[in-house]
Amino acid sequence: MEAFSTFFVGGARSGKSRLAEELAASSSDPVSVVVTAEPIDDEMVARITRHQDDRPSDWQTIEAPYDLAAAIGSVERTHTLLIDCITIWLSNLIVRGDDDNAVEGAIEETLQAILAHPGSVIVVSNETGLGLVPPDPMSRRFRDLQGRANQRLASELDRSFFVAAGQLLPLQPPSNLLPIAQPPI
């Protein structure tokens, strides 16, 4: 089967991870999952445990809360790669104190690692820009960086889907729209 790259973006609890896992499970190749969440409180421990229980036991799991590009580079070249999720990873970098230049550099480095992986790649991320404008500078900064990361991923991966209520909406690149044809005179 030919390698592909797929980007799932959507709101919290929209079904992104489930769909990404189903797609990875359909691969005839072994699967490696790179996860970014840390068990920082009881709720996150429960969430991580639930995700672990949902994945097949033969999938390799790599924890990468900070150096996502290095983790991606460590995955066997023949494996289907599932990354879950970009949002938690970006949050980790921001909370750690990384400035915008460092975060944007990490986004680009991670994107290049994804593009260099010869096997199929599936990436999960949250859409954080559909709600109200966040009331504080750190939240607005996070939303902006998340939006830029999502745009980069969607523009470079083979196919992108918006996930809502467990359903997919294919996202089309602007080149499918622009330029707008001029009506005949």
Protein backbone atom coordinates (compact mmCIF):
# COMPACT_ATOMS: atom_id res chain seq x y z
CA MET A 1 0.00 0.00 0.00
CA GLU A 2 1.27 3.47 -0.87
CA ALA A 3 2.18 5.79 2.01
CA PHE A 4 -0.11 8.75 2.72
CA SER A 5 -0.34 11.59 5.22
CA THR A 6 -3.62 12.56 6.87
CA PHE A 7 -4.49 15.45 9.18
CA PHE A 8 -7.52 15.31 11.49
CA VAL A 9 -8.52 18.60 13.10
CA GLY A 10 -11.62 19.36 15.13
CA GLY A 11 -13.02 20.26 18.51
CA ALA A 12 -12.52 18.46 21.78
CA ARG A 13 -14.28 15.08 21.96
CA SER A 14 -15.20 15.26 18.26
CA GLY A 15 -13.89 11.76 17.47
CA LYS A 16 -10.52 12.73 15.98
CA SER A 17 -8.43 10.21 17.91
CA ARG A 18 -10.90 7.37 17.31
CA LEU A 19 -10.90 8.02 13.56
CA ALA A 20 -7.11 8.35 13.50
CA GLU A 21 -6.76 5.05 15.35
CA GLU A 22 -9.20 3.33 12.98
CA LEU A 23 -7.22 4.61 9.99
CA ALA A 24 -3.93 3.46 11.54
CA ALA A 25 -5.44 0.05 12.32
CA SER A 26 -6.37 -0.35 8.65
CA SER A 27 -2.70 -0.21 7.70
CA SER A 28 -0.93 -3.45 6.84
CA ASP A 29 2.24 -1.97 8.40
CA PRO A 30 3.15 -1.98 12.09
CA VAL A 31 1.93 1.15 13.93
CA SER A 32 3.85 3.53 16.17
CA VAL A 33 1.95 6.11 18.18
CA VAL A 34 3.69 9.26 19.37
CA VAL A 35 1.75 10.73 22.28
CA THR A 36 2.28 14.14 23.82
CA ALA A 37 0.15 14.23 26.99
CA GLU A 38 1.67 14.06 30.44
CA PRO A 39 -0.12 12.61 33.47
CA ILE A 40 -0.13 15.90 35.38
CA ASP A 41 -3.40 15.33 37.29
CA ASP A 42 -5.98 12.61 37.96
CA GLU A 43 -8.16 13.60 35.00
CA MET A 44 -5.20 13.39 32.58
CA VAL A 45 -4.17 10.03 34.06
CA ALA A 46 -7.68 8.72 33.36
CA ARG A 47 -7.69 10.18 29.84
CA ILE A 48 -4.26 8.71 29.03
CA THR A 49 -5.30 5.32 30.42
CA ARG A 50 -8.48 5.36 28.31
CA HIS A 51 -6.44 6.09 25.16
CA GLN A 52 -3.93 3.35 26.04
CA ASP A 53 -6.75 0.85 26.56
CA ASP A 54 -8.27 1.77 23.19
CA ARG A 55 -5.07 1.06 21.24
CA PRO A 56 -4.02 -2.43 20.14
CA SER A 57 -1.34 -3.88 22.42
CA ASP A 58 1.07 -4.50 19.53
CA TRP A 59 1.32 -0.79 18.68
CA GLN A 60 4.55 0.85 19.80
CA THR A 61 3.96 3.93 21.97
CA ILE A 62 6.51 6.74 22.21
CA GLU A 63 5.96 9.52 24.74
CA ALA A 64 7.11 12.91 23.49
CA PRO A 65 5.72 15.82 25.49
CA TYR A 66 8.42 18.22 24.22
CA ASP A 67 10.78 16.95 21.49
CA LEU A 68 8.22 15.74 18.98
CA ALA A 69 10.53 15.95 15.96
CA ALA A 70 13.10 13.65 17.59
CA ALA A 71 10.39 11.16 18.54
CA ILE A 72 9.07 11.14 14.98
CA GLY A 73 12.60 10.58 13.70
CA SER A 74 12.99 7.56 15.99
CA VAL A 75 10.02 5.70 14.47
CA GLU A 76 10.87 2.74 12.25
CA ARG A 77 10.73 3.76 8.60
CA THR A 78 8.29 0.94 7.78
CA HIS A 79 5.78 1.89 10.49
CA THR A 80 2.57 3.82 10.09
CA LEU A 81 2.99 6.82 12.38
CA LEU A 82 0.12 8.25 14.45
CA ILE A 83 0.76 11.54 16.28
CA ASP A 84 -1.76 12.41 19.01
CA CYS A 85 -1.82 15.32 19.53
CA ILE A 86 -0.31 18.58 18.31
CA THR A 87 -2.45 20.68 20.66
CA ILE A 88 -1.18 19.13 23.89
CA TRP A 89 2.39 19.30 22.56
CA LEU A 90 2.10 23.03 21.81
CA SER A 91 0.55 23.62 25.21
CA ASN A 92 3.49 21.80 26.83
CA LEU A 93 5.97 24.06 25.01
CA ILE A 94 4.12 27.25 25.97
CA VAL A 95 3.70 26.25 29.62
CA ARG A 96 7.41 25.34 29.72
CA GLY A 97 8.12 28.95 28.76
CA ASP A 98 9.21 28.63 25.13
CA ASP A 99 8.89 31.95 23.27
CA ASP A 100 7.09 32.31 19.94
CA ASN A 101 10.27 31.90 17.89
CA ALA A 102 11.13 28.65 19.68
CA VAL A 103 7.59 27.31 19.29
CA GLU A 104 7.40 28.23 15.60
CA GLY A 105 10.83 26.66 15.06
CA ALA A 106 9.64 23.48 16.78
CA ILE A 107 6.52 23.45 14.60
CA GLU A 108 8.62 23.69 11.45
CA GLU A 109 11.10 21.07 12.67
CA THR A 110 8.23 18.72 13.50
CA LEU A 111 6.60 19.28 10.12
CA GLN A 112 9.88 18.45 8.37
CA ALA A 113 10.20 15.26 10.45
CA ILE A 114 6.65 14.29 9.47
CA LEU A 115 7.36 14.92 5.79
CA ALA A 116 10.61 12.91 6.01
CA HIS A 117 8.88 9.81 7.39
CA PRO A 118 8.60 7.38 4.46
CA GLY A 119 5.62 5.50 5.89
CA SER A 120 2.06 6.71 6.32
CA VAL A 121 1.52 9.48 8.86
CA ILE A 122 -1.67 10.43 10.70
CA VAL A 123 -1.74 13.64 12.75
CA VAL A 124 -4.39 14.75 15.26
CA SER A 125 -4.89 18.36 16.37
CA ASN A 126 -7.60 20.53 17.90
CA GLU A 127 -9.29 23.46 16.21
CA THR A 128 -9.12 26.17 18.85
CA GLY A 129 -10.20 29.20 16.86
CA LEU A 130 -13.95 28.64 16.58
CA GLY A 131 -14.95 29.98 19.98
CA LEU A 132 -14.82 33.30 21.74
CA VAL A 133 -11.69 35.41 21.72
CA PRO A 134 -9.74 34.22 24.79
CA PRO A 135 -9.75 36.76 27.64
CA ASP A 136 -6.02 36.64 28.47
CA PRO A 137 -2.78 37.09 26.52
CA MET A 138 -1.43 33.56 27.11
CA SER A 139 -4.63 31.94 25.82
CA ARG A 140 -4.70 34.23 22.76
CA ARG A 141 -1.04 33.42 22.11
CA PHE A 142 -1.78 29.69 22.34
CA ARG A 143 -4.78 30.01 20.00
CA ASP A 144 -2.70 31.93 17.45
CA LEU A 145 0.22 29.47 17.53
CA GLN A 146 -2.20 26.53 17.32
CA GLY A 147 -3.91 28.10 14.32
CA ARG A 148 -0.61 28.62 12.52
CA ALA A 149 0.49 25.04 13.27
CA ASN A 150 -2.80 23.68 11.93
CA GLN A 151 -2.50 25.75 8.77
CA ARG A 152 1.05 24.48 8.15
CA LEU A 153 0.04 20.86 8.66
CA ALA A 154 -3.09 21.11 6.52
CA SER A 155 -1.13 22.77 3.71
CA GLU A 156 1.62 20.13 3.62
CA LEU A 157 -0.09 16.81 4.35
CA ASP A 158 -1.80 14.84 1.59
CA ARG A 159 -5.31 15.17 2.94
CA SER A 160 -7.02 17.01 5.77
CA PHE A 161 -10.36 16.50 7.47
CA PHE A 162 -12.39 18.55 9.90
CA VAL A 163 -14.01 16.22 12.45
CA ALA A 164 -17.32 17.07 14.13
CA ALA A 165 -19.56 14.60 15.95
CA GLY A 166 -17.41 11.74 14.63
CA GLN A 167 -18.04 12.75 11.02
CA LEU A 168 -15.53 13.95 8.44
CA LEU A 169 -15.61 17.06 6.33
CA PRO A 170 -12.80 17.06 3.73
CA LEU A 171 -10.80 20.28 3.68
CA GLN A 172 -9.76 21.66 0.32
CA PRO A 173 -6.64 23.72 -0.37
CA PRO A 174 -7.18 27.32 -1.49
CA SER A 175 -5.71 26.39 -4.88
CA ASN A 176 -8.99 24.57 -5.57
CA LEU A 177 -10.78 27.91 -5.26
CA LEU A 178 -8.35 30.55 -6.47
CA PRO A 179 -8.34 32.31 -8.78
CA ILE A 180 -12.04 32.78 -9.16
CA ALA A 181 -12.95 32.41 -12.81
CA GLN A 182 -14.19 35.59 -14.44
CA PRO A 183 -17.73 35.35 -15.79
CA PRO A 184 -18.05 35.61 -19.57
CA ILE A 185 -18.69 39.09 -20.95
